[in-house]
Amino acid sequence: MTTAIAPAPSVSHDWLLLVLRLRTFVALFLVLAFFSVMAPNFLTAANAVIVSKHVALNAFLAIGMTFVIITGGIDLSVGSIVGLCAMVAGWLVLNGVDTGLGYTIWFNTYEIVLLTLAVGVGVGLVNGLLITRLNVAPFIATLGTLYIARGAALLSSGGRTFPNLSGSEEFGTASFPFIGTGSFAGLPVMVWLLVAVALAAHYVSRRTPLGRHIYAVGGNERGAALSGVKVNRVKVFVYMFSGFCAALVGIIIASQLQAAHPATGETFELNAIAAAVLGGTSMSGGRGRIGGTIVGAFVIGILSDGLIMMGVSSFWQTVIKGVVIVLAVVIDQAQSRLQARVALAQEAAASR
């Protein structure tokens, strides 16, 4: 009787696996090279600042989405949370809170930011509880909150825009526009905020027990539970963090435009998912890196801005983004299969 032995991993397989792992950097290089040729003004310093702002907005959402996808979930509500939180911030700047007792409570910029972030975290908490306590599938739970948050944003103003969010010295809100339009050391404030959030997320994911638990839940939820991981708490945390990131984007957009519209954030969830998946986050859970997600956000941001500079229709831009998502998932599946083959071959070679 003969025994079949798995072939040893070849050099070509190793190189192919390396290319697949570095696919985000390859894609970034390709889009940079393409648009530097097709759009001559693309590599100017002024355009770099504009691109960095767009990338930052997408990257915030993608960081939160990365944690959610690593646990094996999905959050479709982030775009609506952006719109809702932009309206909350706009309402507080313009109208304060009417107590119904003949006077209005006004909040300064810091308090408005904290209250708005609390709204985003609260929506994330609702998502987490629907998924963990009521066993609603993540897709359905977040789809429901997508509609609820968007409806609440529309109801807050009757579908109208909150304009002139320049703030007031009297109520301590004159600094509100600085969040979205200010700069420090030559870089926009939102970019510095992105650096802070990205570093914090990277530290949590790689240096803390919570980060290890997030990966464990996505890799093998039942095994993680048997190992003592509080699976439900981990899931609730990642959706709350995703809501926090979405709220931050809503604040930044309202500050940047000095206006808040209930339609803000529509389809933002697509860009966030695309950036996370393109950055190496596996849709099946258990794998992903914050650094890869940031690079993926750069690819999506550069792709969007480059297509605009080339005069490509917004309709075609949507099609191209959809193709990018599908290709990213297909490549991720190919990487998973190749990794499994290489691991099997290495185990067989070690046992001989």
Protein backbone atom coordinates (compact mmCIF):
# COMPACT_ATOMS: atom_id res chain seq x y z
CA MET A 1 0.00 0.00 0.00
CA THR A 2 1.31 3.46 -0.89
CA THR A 3 0.70 6.62 1.11
CA ALA A 4 0.11 9.93 -0.66
CA ILE A 5 2.41 12.64 0.58
CA ALA A 6 1.59 16.32 0.10
CA PRO A 7 4.16 18.05 -2.05
CA ALA A 8 6.57 20.40 -0.36
CA PRO A 9 5.76 24.09 -0.76
CA SER A 10 7.42 25.44 -3.86
CA VAL A 11 9.31 28.69 -4.18
CA SER A 12 6.67 29.95 -6.62
CA HIS A 13 3.96 29.35 -4.01
CA ASP A 14 5.95 31.31 -1.45
CA TRP A 15 6.36 34.23 -3.82
CA LEU A 16 2.70 34.15 -4.83
CA LEU A 17 1.64 34.10 -1.18
CA LEU A 18 3.93 37.06 -0.47
CA VAL A 19 2.41 39.02 -3.37
CA LEU A 20 -1.11 38.24 -2.11
CA ARG A 21 -0.20 39.42 1.38
CA LEU A 22 1.25 42.64 -0.03
CA ARG A 23 -1.61 43.17 -2.48
CA THR A 24 -2.73 46.38 -0.79
CA PHE A 25 0.67 48.01 -1.26
CA VAL A 26 0.77 46.75 -4.85
CA ALA A 27 -2.66 48.26 -5.48
CA LEU A 28 -1.58 51.55 -3.87
CA PHE A 29 1.49 51.75 -6.09
CA LEU A 30 -0.56 50.97 -9.21
CA VAL A 31 -3.24 53.60 -8.57
CA LEU A 32 -0.60 56.22 -7.73
CA ALA A 33 1.33 55.45 -10.91
CA PHE A 34 -1.83 55.40 -13.03
CA PHE A 35 -3.26 58.72 -11.83
CA SER A 36 0.11 60.48 -11.83
CA VAL A 37 0.16 59.83 -15.59
CA MET A 38 -3.53 60.26 -16.40
CA ALA A 39 -4.12 63.28 -14.11
CA PRO A 40 -1.02 65.54 -14.23
CA ASN A 41 -2.12 67.68 -11.24
CA PHE A 42 -2.72 64.65 -9.05
CA LEU A 43 0.68 64.65 -7.31
CA THR A 44 0.62 68.32 -6.32
CA ALA A 45 0.92 69.32 -2.65
CA ALA A 46 -2.52 70.97 -2.66
CA ASN A 47 -4.19 67.84 -3.99
CA ALA A 48 -2.29 65.69 -1.48
CA VAL A 49 -3.90 67.66 1.37
CA ILE A 50 -7.36 67.24 -0.17
CA VAL A 51 -6.82 63.50 -0.67
CA SER A 52 -5.58 63.13 2.92
CA LYS A 53 -8.83 64.65 4.19
CA HIS A 54 -10.95 62.30 2.11
CA VAL A 55 -8.83 59.32 3.12
CA ALA A 56 -9.13 60.25 6.80
CA LEU A 57 -12.94 60.18 6.69
CA ASN A 58 -12.95 56.77 5.04
CA ALA A 59 -10.18 55.44 7.29
CA PHE A 60 -12.07 56.25 10.51
CA LEU A 61 -15.01 54.13 9.38
CA ALA A 62 -12.73 51.40 8.01
CA ILE A 63 -10.89 51.06 11.34
CA GLY A 64 -14.16 50.46 13.17
CA MET A 65 -15.34 48.15 10.40
CA THR A 66 -12.11 46.16 10.64
CA PHE A 67 -12.78 45.22 14.27
CA VAL A 68 -16.35 44.23 13.39
CA ILE A 69 -15.34 42.08 10.41
CA ILE A 70 -12.54 40.39 12.37
CA THR A 71 -15.20 39.07 14.77
CA GLY A 72 -17.12 37.69 11.80
CA GLY A 73 -19.73 40.47 11.72
CA ILE A 74 -20.66 43.37 9.49
CA ASP A 75 -21.92 46.89 10.21
CA LEU A 76 -24.10 48.39 7.52
CA SER A 77 -25.30 51.23 9.73
CA VAL A 78 -22.12 53.33 9.86
CA GLY A 79 -23.16 55.65 7.03
CA SER A 80 -26.48 56.40 8.69
CA ILE A 81 -24.77 56.93 12.05
CA VAL A 82 -22.56 59.51 10.31
CA GLY A 83 -25.67 61.35 9.11
CA LEU A 84 -27.46 61.10 12.45
CA CYS A 85 -24.47 62.33 14.43
CA ALA A 86 -23.87 65.21 12.01
CA MET A 87 -27.46 66.29 12.62
CA VAL A 88 -27.09 65.90 16.39
CA ALA A 89 -23.99 68.10 16.36
CA GLY A 90 -25.72 70.63 14.12
CA TRP A 91 -28.81 70.71 16.34
CA LEU A 92 -26.75 71.30 19.48
CA VAL A 93 -24.71 74.09 17.86
CA LEU A 94 -27.77 75.90 16.46
CA ASN A 95 -30.55 75.18 18.93
CA GLY A 96 -29.09 73.78 22.13
CA VAL A 97 -31.55 71.75 24.22
CA ASP A 98 -34.91 73.28 25.07
CA THR A 99 -35.84 72.19 28.60
CA GLY A 100 -39.49 73.15 28.17
CA LEU A 101 -39.20 75.30 31.30
CA GLY A 102 -38.55 78.58 29.58
CA TYR A 103 -34.81 78.32 29.08
CA THR A 104 -32.40 76.53 26.77
CA ILE A 105 -29.27 74.60 27.70
CA TRP A 106 -26.31 75.47 25.48
CA PHE A 107 -23.18 73.33 25.24
CA ASN A 108 -19.64 74.30 24.31
CA THR A 109 -17.70 72.56 21.55
CA TYR A 110 -16.15 69.90 23.80
CA GLU A 111 -19.49 68.99 25.31
CA ILE A 112 -21.11 68.81 21.88
CA VAL A 113 -18.38 66.46 20.68
CA LEU A 114 -18.81 64.21 23.73
CA LEU A 115 -22.60 64.13 23.45
CA THR A 116 -22.45 63.35 19.73
CA LEU A 117 -19.91 60.60 20.28
CA ALA A 118 -22.20 59.17 22.96
CA VAL A 119 -25.02 59.00 20.40
CA GLY A 120 -22.82 57.04 17.98
CA VAL A 121 -21.65 54.69 20.71
CA GLY A 122 -25.28 54.26 21.79
CA VAL A 123 -26.36 53.16 18.31
CA GLY A 124 -23.41 50.75 18.28
CA LEU A 125 -24.56 49.42 21.65
CA VAL A 126 -28.03 48.79 20.21
CA ASN A 127 -26.43 46.88 17.32
CA GLY A 128 -24.36 44.80 19.72
CA LEU A 129 -27.31 43.96 21.96
CA LEU A 130 -29.53 43.02 19.01
CA ILE A 131 -26.83 40.62 17.81
CA THR A 132 -25.79 39.14 21.16
CA ARG A 133 -28.97 39.20 23.24
CA LEU A 134 -31.66 38.72 20.60
CA ASN A 135 -29.53 36.60 18.24
CA VAL A 136 -30.32 38.79 15.23
CA ALA A 137 -27.92 38.24 12.35
CA PRO A 138 -25.43 41.15 12.07
CA PHE A 139 -26.52 41.89 8.50
CA ILE A 140 -30.19 42.23 9.50
CA ALA A 141 -29.54 44.03 12.80
CA THR A 142 -27.35 46.70 11.25
CA LEU A 143 -29.59 46.99 8.20
CA GLY A 144 -32.45 47.80 10.58
CA THR A 145 -30.45 50.41 12.49
CA LEU A 146 -29.33 51.85 9.14
CA TYR A 147 -32.96 52.75 8.39
CA ILE A 148 -33.73 53.82 11.96
CA ALA A 149 -30.71 56.15 12.21
CA ARG A 150 -31.35 57.64 8.77
CA GLY A 151 -35.03 58.16 9.60
CA ALA A 152 -34.11 59.82 12.89
CA ALA A 153 -31.71 62.14 11.04
CA LEU A 154 -34.46 63.13 8.61
CA LEU A 155 -37.00 63.65 11.39
CA SER A 156 -34.65 65.90 13.35
CA SER A 157 -34.98 68.65 10.74
CA GLY A 158 -37.85 67.56 8.55
CA GLY A 159 -35.30 66.67 5.87
CA ARG A 160 -33.78 70.16 5.88
CA THR A 161 -30.16 71.23 6.35
CA PHE A 162 -28.83 72.79 9.54
CA PRO A 163 -26.84 75.72 8.05
CA ASN A 164 -24.32 78.21 9.42
CA LEU A 165 -22.63 76.02 12.02
CA SER A 166 -19.92 78.62 12.58
CA GLY A 167 -20.69 78.62 16.28
CA SER A 168 -20.89 81.43 18.79
CA GLU A 169 -18.37 82.98 21.17
CA GLU A 170 -21.15 83.50 23.70
CA PHE A 171 -21.90 79.78 23.99
CA GLY A 172 -18.34 78.52 23.49
CA THR A 173 -18.96 76.94 20.09
CA ALA A 174 -16.86 79.26 17.93
CA SER A 175 -14.15 76.59 17.82
CA PHE A 176 -16.49 73.98 16.28
CA PRO A 177 -15.38 74.63 12.65
CA PHE A 178 -11.75 74.13 13.67
CA ILE A 179 -12.29 70.37 13.98
CA GLY A 180 -12.92 69.98 10.27
CA THR A 181 -11.05 72.93 8.79
CA GLY A 182 -8.17 73.61 11.18
CA SER A 183 -4.60 72.44 10.79
CA PHE A 184 -1.64 71.79 13.06
CA ALA A 185 2.01 71.53 12.02
CA GLY A 186 0.97 71.70 8.38
CA LEU A 187 -1.52 68.82 8.54
CA PRO A 188 -5.31 68.97 8.93
CA VAL A 189 -6.63 68.34 12.43
CA MET A 190 -8.65 65.38 11.15
CA VAL A 191 -5.44 63.69 10.00
CA TRP A 192 -3.97 64.05 13.50
CA LEU A 193 -7.18 62.60 14.91
CA LEU A 194 -6.86 59.69 12.48
CA VAL A 195 -3.28 59.06 13.62
CA ALA A 196 -4.43 59.00 17.26
CA VAL A 197 -7.36 56.63 16.58
CA ALA A 198 -5.27 54.35 14.34
CA LEU A 199 -2.46 54.07 16.90
CA ALA A 200 -4.94 53.36 19.69
CA ALA A 201 -6.73 50.73 17.59
CA HIS A 202 -3.42 49.11 16.61
CA TYR A 203 -2.32 49.00 20.24
CA VAL A 204 -5.61 47.44 21.35
CA SER A 205 -5.56 44.85 18.57
CA ARG A 206 -1.93 43.79 19.05
CA ARG A 207 -0.97 44.52 22.66
CA THR A 208 -4.01 43.89 24.83
CA PRO A 209 -6.08 40.87 25.92
CA LEU A 210 -9.13 42.51 24.34
CA GLY A 211 -7.38 42.51 20.96
CA ARG A 212 -6.51 38.83 21.29
CA HIS A 213 -10.11 38.09 22.23
CA ILE A 214 -11.38 39.94 19.14
CA TYR A 215 -9.26 37.72 16.90
CA ALA A 216 -10.21 34.62 18.89
CA VAL A 217 -13.93 35.29 18.47
CA GLY A 218 -13.53 35.70 14.72
CA GLY A 219 -11.27 32.67 14.36
CA ASN A 220 -13.36 30.22 16.37
CA GLU A 221 -16.22 31.66 18.39
CA ARG A 222 -17.12 28.44 20.17
CA GLY A 223 -13.50 27.70 20.99
CA ALA A 224 -13.07 31.24 22.32
CA ALA A 225 -16.13 30.83 24.55
CA LEU A 226 -14.82 27.53 25.91
CA SER A 227 -11.52 29.27 26.64
CA GLY A 228 -13.25 31.79 28.88
CA VAL A 229 -13.56 34.69 26.43
CA LYS A 230 -16.63 36.85 27.06
CA VAL A 231 -17.80 36.58 23.46
CA ASN A 232 -20.89 38.76 23.83
CA ARG A 233 -18.93 41.55 25.51
CA VAL A 234 -16.33 41.48 22.76
CA LYS A 235 -19.00 41.73 20.07
CA VAL A 236 -20.78 44.58 21.83
CA PHE A 237 -17.47 46.42 22.16
CA VAL A 238 -16.60 46.23 18.46
CA TYR A 239 -20.01 47.58 17.41
CA MET A 240 -19.76 50.37 19.96
CA PHE A 241 -16.31 51.23 18.66
CA SER A 242 -17.62 51.23 15.09
CA GLY A 243 -20.38 53.61 16.19
CA PHE A 244 -17.76 55.82 17.87
CA CYS A 245 -15.75 56.05 14.64
CA ALA A 246 -18.89 56.85 12.62
CA ALA A 247 -19.90 59.58 15.08
CA LEU A 248 -16.45 61.12 14.81
CA VAL A 249 -16.82 61.27 11.02
CA GLY A 250 -20.23 62.91 11.39
CA ILE A 251 -18.74 65.60 13.65
CA ILE A 252 -15.86 66.24 11.27
CA ILE A 253 -18.11 66.58 8.22
CA ALA A 254 -20.52 68.93 9.99
CA SER A 255 -17.56 71.00 11.18
CA GLN A 256 -15.86 70.98 7.77
CA LEU A 257 -18.96 72.04 5.84
CA GLN A 258 -20.32 74.18 8.68
CA ALA A 259 -23.63 72.59 7.82
CA ALA A 260 -25.38 69.30 8.55
CA HIS A 261 -27.64 67.43 6.15
CA PRO A 262 -29.58 64.24 7.00
CA ALA A 263 -28.34 62.51 3.82
CA THR A 264 -24.71 62.82 4.96
CA GLY A 265 -22.89 59.49 4.94
CA GLU A 266 -24.96 57.68 2.33
CA THR A 267 -23.02 54.65 0.95
CA PHE A 268 -20.08 55.40 3.28
CA GLU A 269 -20.36 51.83 4.56
CA LEU A 270 -19.36 50.55 1.11
CA ASN A 271 -16.09 52.48 1.19
CA ALA A 272 -15.39 51.30 4.73
CA ILE A 273 -15.95 47.64 3.83
CA ALA A 274 -13.90 48.00 0.65
CA ALA A 275 -10.97 49.58 2.52
CA ALA A 276 -11.01 46.93 5.25
CA VAL A 277 -11.22 43.99 2.84
CA LEU A 278 -8.69 45.47 0.44
CA GLY A 279 -6.39 45.94 3.43
CA GLY A 280 -6.38 42.22 4.15
CA THR A 281 -9.28 41.81 6.57
CA SER A 282 -10.95 38.46 5.95
CA MET A 283 -14.74 38.53 5.54
CA SER A 284 -14.86 35.14 7.26
CA GLY A 285 -13.32 36.68 10.38
CA GLY A 286 -10.21 36.09 12.43
CA ARG A 287 -7.74 38.01 10.25
CA GLY A 288 -7.00 41.67 9.65
CA ARG A 289 -4.62 44.48 10.53
CA ILE A 290 -5.23 48.16 11.21
CA GLY A 291 -2.15 49.11 9.16
CA GLY A 292 -3.47 47.21 6.15
CA THR A 293 -6.85 48.90 6.54
CA ILE A 294 -5.23 52.35 6.51
CA VAL A 295 -3.42 51.49 3.28
CA GLY A 296 -6.70 50.15 1.87
CA ALA A 297 -8.37 53.45 2.77
CA PHE A 298 -5.64 55.27 0.84
CA VAL A 299 -6.28 53.08 -2.19
CA ILE A 300 -10.03 53.76 -2.10
CA GLY A 301 -9.53 57.48 -1.44
CA ILE A 302 -6.96 57.90 -4.19
CA LEU A 303 -9.11 55.89 -6.58
CA SER A 304 -12.15 58.08 -5.88
CA ASP A 305 -10.30 61.40 -6.15
CA GLY A 306 -8.33 60.28 -9.20
CA LEU A 307 -11.48 59.26 -11.04
CA ILE A 308 -13.05 62.62 -10.22
CA MET A 309 -9.99 64.47 -11.56
CA MET A 310 -10.24 62.42 -14.74
CA GLY A 311 -13.88 63.42 -15.11
CA VAL A 312 -15.23 59.88 -14.72
CA SER A 313 -18.97 59.77 -14.06
CA SER A 314 -20.07 59.16 -10.46
CA PHE A 315 -22.13 56.24 -11.78
CA TRP A 316 -19.01 54.55 -13.11
CA GLN A 317 -17.22 55.32 -9.86
CA THR A 318 -19.86 53.30 -7.99
CA VAL A 319 -19.43 50.41 -10.44
CA ILE A 320 -15.65 50.48 -10.04
CA LYS A 321 -15.89 50.45 -6.23
CA GLY A 322 -18.18 47.42 -6.43
CA VAL A 323 -15.67 45.65 -8.67
CA VAL A 324 -12.89 46.49 -6.18
CA ILE A 325 -14.86 44.92 -3.33
CA VAL A 326 -15.56 41.74 -5.29
CA LEU A 327 -11.93 41.44 -6.43
CA ALA A 328 -10.69 42.01 -2.89
CA VAL A 329 -12.87 39.19 -1.56
CA VAL A 330 -11.86 36.86 -4.40
CA ILE A 331 -8.16 37.54 -3.74
CA ASP A 332 -8.69 37.05 -0.01
CA GLN A 333 -10.25 33.64 -0.65
CA ALA A 334 -7.36 32.73 -2.96
CA GLN A 335 -4.89 33.73 -0.25
CA SER A 336 -6.71 31.60 2.34
CA ARG A 337 -6.67 28.54 0.07
CA LEU A 338 -3.01 29.01 -0.79
CA GLN A 339 -2.07 29.46 2.88
CA ALA A 340 -3.90 26.24 3.73
CA ARG A 341 -2.06 24.35 0.98
CA VAL A 342 1.33 25.70 2.05
CA ALA A 343 0.63 24.90 5.73
CA LEU A 344 -0.44 21.35 4.82
CA ALA A 345 2.69 20.86 2.71
CA GLN A 346 4.92 22.16 5.51
CA GLU A 347 3.31 19.84 8.04
CA ALA A 348 3.76 16.88 5.68
CA ALA A 349 7.40 17.80 5.07
CA ALA A 350 8.07 18.14 8.81
CA SER A 351 6.55 14.72 9.55
CA ARG A 352 8.79 12.94 7.05
